[in-house]
Protein backbone atom coordinates (compact mmCIF):
# COMPACT_ATOMS: atom_id res chain seq x y z
CA UNK A 1 -77.70 76.08 24.05
CA UNK A 2 -74.81 78.57 23.69
CA UNK A 3 -77.20 81.51 24.05
CA UNK A 4 -78.67 79.95 27.20
CA UNK A 5 -75.20 79.61 28.75
CA UNK A 6 -74.39 83.19 27.76
CA UNK A 7 -77.63 84.45 29.34
CA UNK A 8 -77.17 82.47 32.56
CA UNK A 9 -73.46 83.11 32.92
CA UNK A 10 -70.56 80.77 32.36
CA UNK A 11 -70.26 79.55 35.94
CA UNK A 12 -73.96 78.92 36.58
CA UNK A 13 -74.61 77.55 33.07
CA UNK A 14 -71.73 75.08 33.23
CA UNK A 15 -72.61 74.09 36.81
CA UNK A 16 -76.28 73.51 35.99
CA UNK A 17 -75.39 71.51 32.90
CA UNK A 18 -72.92 69.39 34.87
CA UNK A 19 -75.43 68.77 37.65
CA UNK A 20 -78.08 67.84 35.10
CA UNK A 21 -75.67 65.36 33.50
CA UNK A 22 -74.79 63.78 36.85
CA UNK A 23 -78.44 63.39 37.91
CA UNK A 24 -79.43 61.97 34.52
CA UNK A 25 -76.51 59.55 34.59
CA UNK A 26 -77.33 58.41 38.13
CA UNK A 27 -81.02 57.89 37.34
CA UNK A 28 -80.25 56.00 34.13
CA UNK A 29 -77.82 53.69 35.97
CA UNK A 30 -80.34 53.00 38.74
CA UNK A 31 -83.07 52.33 36.20
CA UNK A 32 -80.88 49.92 34.24
CA UNK A 33 -79.77 48.15 37.44
CA UNK A 34 -83.34 47.65 38.59
CA UNK A 35 -84.40 46.44 35.17
CA UNK A 36 -81.43 44.06 35.06
CA UNK A 37 -82.44 42.46 38.35
CA UNK A 38 -85.99 41.85 37.06
CA UNK A 39 -85.51 40.20 33.66
CA UNK A 40 -88.23 40.64 31.05
CA UNK A 41 -90.16 43.42 32.78
CA UNK A 42 -91.19 46.68 31.18
CA UNK A 43 -90.67 50.05 32.86
CA UNK A 44 -94.35 50.23 33.79
CA UNK A 45 -93.99 46.86 35.52
CA UNK A 46 -91.08 48.23 37.53
CA UNK A 47 -93.21 51.20 38.54
CA UNK A 48 -95.97 48.85 39.70
CA UNK A 49 -93.52 46.66 41.65
CA UNK A 50 -91.87 49.59 43.39
CA UNK A 51 -94.88 51.84 44.10
CA UNK A 52 -98.01 49.83 43.36
CA UNK A 53 -100.68 50.71 40.80
CA UNK A 54 -100.08 54.44 41.27
CA UNK A 55 -96.45 53.92 40.30
CA UNK A 56 -97.50 52.15 37.12
CA UNK A 57 -99.80 55.03 36.17
CA UNK A 58 -97.09 57.60 37.00
CA UNK A 59 -94.55 55.83 34.81
CA UNK A 60 -97.06 55.61 31.96
CA UNK A 61 -97.96 59.28 32.38
CA UNK A 62 -94.38 60.53 32.38
CA UNK A 63 -93.42 58.33 29.42
CA UNK A 64 -96.34 59.81 27.51
CA UNK A 65 -95.39 63.38 28.45
CA UNK A 66 -91.77 62.75 27.42
CA UNK A 67 -92.82 61.35 24.04
CA UNK A 68 -95.14 64.31 23.41
CA UNK A 69 -92.27 66.66 24.26
CA UNK A 70 -89.98 64.92 21.77
CA UNK A 71 -92.71 65.05 19.13
CA UNK A 72 -93.26 68.77 19.58
CA UNK A 73 -89.52 69.48 19.55
CA UNK A 74 -88.98 67.44 16.39
CA UNK A 75 -91.94 69.07 14.63
CA UNK A 76 -90.63 72.56 15.40
CA UNK A 77 -87.10 71.55 14.36
CA UNK A 78 -88.33 70.31 10.97
CA UNK A 79 -90.54 73.37 10.44
CA UNK A 80 -87.71 75.80 11.23
CA UNK A 81 -85.36 73.92 8.90
CA UNK A 82 -87.95 74.06 6.11
CA UNK A 83 -88.31 77.79 6.72
CA UNK A 84 -84.52 78.22 6.48
CA UNK A 85 -84.37 76.16 3.25
CA UNK A 86 -87.06 78.34 1.69
CA UNK A 87 -85.25 81.50 2.76
CA UNK A 88 -81.73 80.45 1.76
CA UNK A 89 -82.60 78.37 -1.31
CA UNK A 90 -85.41 80.37 -2.84
CA UNK A 91 -85.20 83.77 -1.14
CA UNK A 92 -88.75 83.38 0.11
CA UNK A 93 -89.38 84.41 3.72
CA UNK A 94 -92.32 82.15 4.51
CA UNK A 95 -93.75 82.36 8.03
CA UNK A 96 -93.19 79.28 10.17
CA UNK A 97 -96.97 79.01 10.62
CA UNK A 98 -97.15 77.58 7.10
CA UNK A 99 -95.16 74.55 8.27
CA UNK A 100 -96.55 74.16 11.79
CA UNK A 101 -98.90 76.11 14.00
CA UNK A 102 -96.99 77.48 17.01
CA UNK A 103 -98.63 77.20 20.42
CA UNK A 104 -99.73 80.51 21.93
CA UNK A 105 -99.37 80.38 25.73
CA UNK A 106 -100.97 83.71 26.59
């Protein structure tokens, strides 16, 4: 994160991070308020009530995409930490591919 703020500039980086926080906070509050008014419903049920069957599928899709994103991030985090442990603890510079296969996007 610090490198991203340095690359984007202090003003834009801080502004974008603040705006992201405000939007996330607003959406979380609205989601909790709507769930509080409909006791016992899951988020997919709220999507179906507000937008019909398409809303239910959209909520399910975006929940799945978010979970996959967390899984990929956690896997890379663990692999990079294992690589650092091997380098610092044993002096062995093992490629990260031994711990996880990075995705090639080209």
